[in-house]
């Protein structure tokens, strides 16, 4: 398994744990982490909005989940097209 997939699965697991904490509270720290993740990824979307040209809804969701990893992927695809 590639390193990129391991990182993506780890990020997904972090999101799942944070949302499960909302349903079944374990600790307040995970609630703060969830708020931080949502705000940070939304700010990333606003900052890098110009790099997102196609499928804005799909890319918005991907940036909200994976953050800068998805933006790097978009940059890579743009560079390989040229």
C-alpha atoms as a PDB file:
ATOM      1  CA  UNK A   1       0.000   0.000   0.000  1.00  0.00           C
ATOM      2  CA  UNK A   2       1.351   3.410  -0.935  1.00  0.00           C
ATOM      3  CA  UNK A   3       2.131   6.101   1.593  1.00  0.00           C
ATOM      4  CA  UNK A   4      -0.522   8.391   0.102  1.00  0.00           C
ATOM      5  CA  UNK A   5      -3.264   5.838   0.681  1.00  0.00           C
ATOM      6  CA  UNK A   6      -2.126   5.230   4.251  1.00  0.00           C
ATOM      7  CA  UNK A   7      -2.268   8.969   4.939  1.00  0.00           C
ATOM      8  CA  UNK A   8      -5.734   9.252   3.366  1.00  0.00           C
ATOM      9  CA  UNK A   9      -7.091   6.328   5.380  1.00  0.00           C
ATOM     10  CA  UNK A  10      -5.618   7.821   8.542  1.00  0.00           C
ATOM     11  CA  UNK A  11      -7.296  11.150   7.840  1.00  0.00           C
ATOM     12  CA  UNK A  12     -10.608   9.409   7.155  1.00  0.00           C
ATOM     13  CA  UNK A  13     -10.343   7.504  10.423  1.00  0.00           C
ATOM     14  CA  UNK A  14      -9.676  10.766  12.272  1.00  0.00           C
ATOM     15  CA  UNK A  15     -12.848  12.291  10.773  1.00  0.00           C
ATOM     16  CA  UNK A  16     -14.863   9.188  11.674  1.00  0.00           C
ATOM     17  CA  UNK A  17     -13.617   9.242  15.272  1.00  0.00           C
ATOM     18  CA  UNK A  18     -14.424  12.957  15.575  1.00  0.00           C
ATOM     19  CA  UNK A  19     -17.963  12.513  14.234  1.00  0.00           C
ATOM     20  CA  UNK A  20     -18.555   9.441  16.389  1.00  0.00           C
ATOM     21  CA  UNK A  21     -17.530  11.529  19.368  1.00  0.00           C
ATOM     22  CA  UNK A  22     -20.390  13.898  18.553  1.00  0.00           C
ATOM     23  CA  UNK A  23     -22.853  10.992  18.691  1.00  0.00           C
ATOM     24  CA  UNK A  24     -21.271   9.190  21.645  1.00  0.00           C
ATOM     25  CA  UNK A  25     -19.236  11.739  23.629  1.00  0.00           C
ATOM     26  CA  UNK A  26     -15.924  10.476  24.948  1.00  0.00           C
ATOM     27  CA  UNK A  27     -13.861  13.597  25.386  1.00  0.00           C
ATOM     28  CA  UNK A  28     -14.221  17.306  24.696  1.00  0.00           C
ATOM     29  CA  UNK A  29     -10.815  17.367  22.986  1.00  0.00           C
ATOM     30  CA  UNK A  30     -12.216  15.494  19.986  1.00  0.00           C
ATOM     31  CA  UNK A  31     -14.972  18.099  19.689  1.00  0.00           C
ATOM     32  CA  UNK A  32     -12.368  20.848  19.583  1.00  0.00           C
ATOM     33  CA  UNK A  33     -10.384  18.846  17.038  1.00  0.00           C
ATOM     34  CA  UNK A  34     -13.485  18.523  14.845  1.00  0.00           C
ATOM     35  CA  UNK A  35     -14.105  22.273  14.986  1.00  0.00           C
ATOM     36  CA  UNK A  36     -10.454  22.942  14.177  1.00  0.00           C
ATOM     37  CA  UNK A  37     -10.526  20.559  11.195  1.00  0.00           C
ATOM     38  CA  UNK A  38     -13.668  22.107   9.758  1.00  0.00           C
ATOM     39  CA  UNK A  39     -12.421  25.681  10.119  1.00  0.00           C
ATOM     40  CA  UNK A  40      -8.895  24.916   8.847  1.00  0.00           C
ATOM     41  CA  UNK A  41     -10.104  23.041   5.775  1.00  0.00           C
ATOM     42  CA  UNK A  42     -12.695  25.694   4.979  1.00  0.00           C
ATOM     43  CA  UNK A  43      -9.959  28.334   5.121  1.00  0.00           C
ATOM     44  CA  UNK A  44      -7.830  26.178   2.796  1.00  0.00           C
ATOM     45  CA  UNK A  45     -10.704  26.043   0.346  1.00  0.00           C
ATOM     46  CA  UNK A  46     -11.071  29.839   0.427  1.00  0.00           C
ATOM     47  CA  UNK A  47      -7.321  30.422   0.055  1.00  0.00           C
ATOM     48  CA  UNK A  48      -6.867  27.961  -2.814  1.00  0.00           C
ATOM     49  CA  UNK A  49     -10.204  28.671  -4.531  1.00  0.00           C
ATOM     50  CA  UNK A  50      -8.513  29.855  -7.733  1.00  0.00           C
ATOM     51  CA  UNK A  51      -6.736  26.501  -8.180  1.00  0.00           C
ATOM     52  CA  UNK A  52     -10.060  24.674  -8.207  1.00  0.00           C
ATOM     53  CA  UNK A  53     -11.382  25.042 -11.736  1.00  0.00           C
ATOM     54  CA  UNK A  54     -13.637  22.039 -12.412  1.00  0.00           C
ATOM     55  CA  UNK A  55     -16.176  20.183 -10.274  1.00  0.00           C
ATOM     56  CA  UNK A  56     -16.239  22.787  -7.535  1.00  0.00           C
ATOM     57  CA  UNK A  57     -18.673  20.843  -5.349  1.00  0.00           C
ATOM     58  CA  UNK A  58     -16.665  17.614  -5.531  1.00  0.00           C
ATOM     59  CA  UNK A  59     -13.401  19.449  -4.963  1.00  0.00           C
ATOM     60  CA  UNK A  60     -14.922  21.405  -2.060  1.00  0.00           C
ATOM     61  CA  UNK A  61     -15.848  18.137  -0.350  1.00  0.00           C
ATOM     62  CA  UNK A  62     -12.429  16.622  -1.057  1.00  0.00           C
ATOM     63  CA  UNK A  63     -10.656  19.696   0.349  1.00  0.00           C
ATOM     64  CA  UNK A  64     -12.907  19.610   3.411  1.00  0.00           C
ATOM     65  CA  UNK A  65     -11.923  15.980   4.001  1.00  0.00           C
ATOM     66  CA  UNK A  66      -8.292  15.788   2.893  1.00  0.00           C
ATOM     67  CA  UNK A  67      -7.261  19.442   2.927  1.00  0.00           C
ATOM     68  CA  UNK A  68      -3.999  20.365   1.288  1.00  0.00           C
ATOM     69  CA  UNK A  69      -3.375  16.791   0.125  1.00  0.00           C
ATOM     70  CA  UNK A  70      -6.171  17.185  -2.408  1.00  0.00           C
ATOM     71  CA  UNK A  71      -4.896  20.589  -3.523  1.00  0.00           C
ATOM     72  CA  UNK A  72      -1.459  19.061  -4.146  1.00  0.00           C
ATOM     73  CA  UNK A  73      -3.127  16.404  -6.282  1.00  0.00           C
ATOM     74  CA  UNK A  74      -4.874  19.113  -8.327  1.00  0.00           C
ATOM     75  CA  UNK A  75      -1.538  20.911  -8.806  1.00  0.00           C
ATOM     76  CA  UNK A  76       0.093  17.676  -9.955  1.00  0.00           C
ATOM     77  CA  UNK A  77      -2.642  17.029 -12.541  1.00  0.00           C
ATOM     78  CA  UNK A  78      -2.404  20.613 -13.834  1.00  0.00           C
ATOM     79  CA  UNK A  79       1.376  20.320 -14.268  1.00  0.00           C
ATOM     80  CA  UNK A  80       1.199  16.966 -16.064  1.00  0.00           C
ATOM     81  CA  UNK A  81      -1.404  18.279 -18.554  1.00  0.00           C
ATOM     82  CA  UNK A  82       0.976  20.958 -19.824  1.00  0.00           C
END
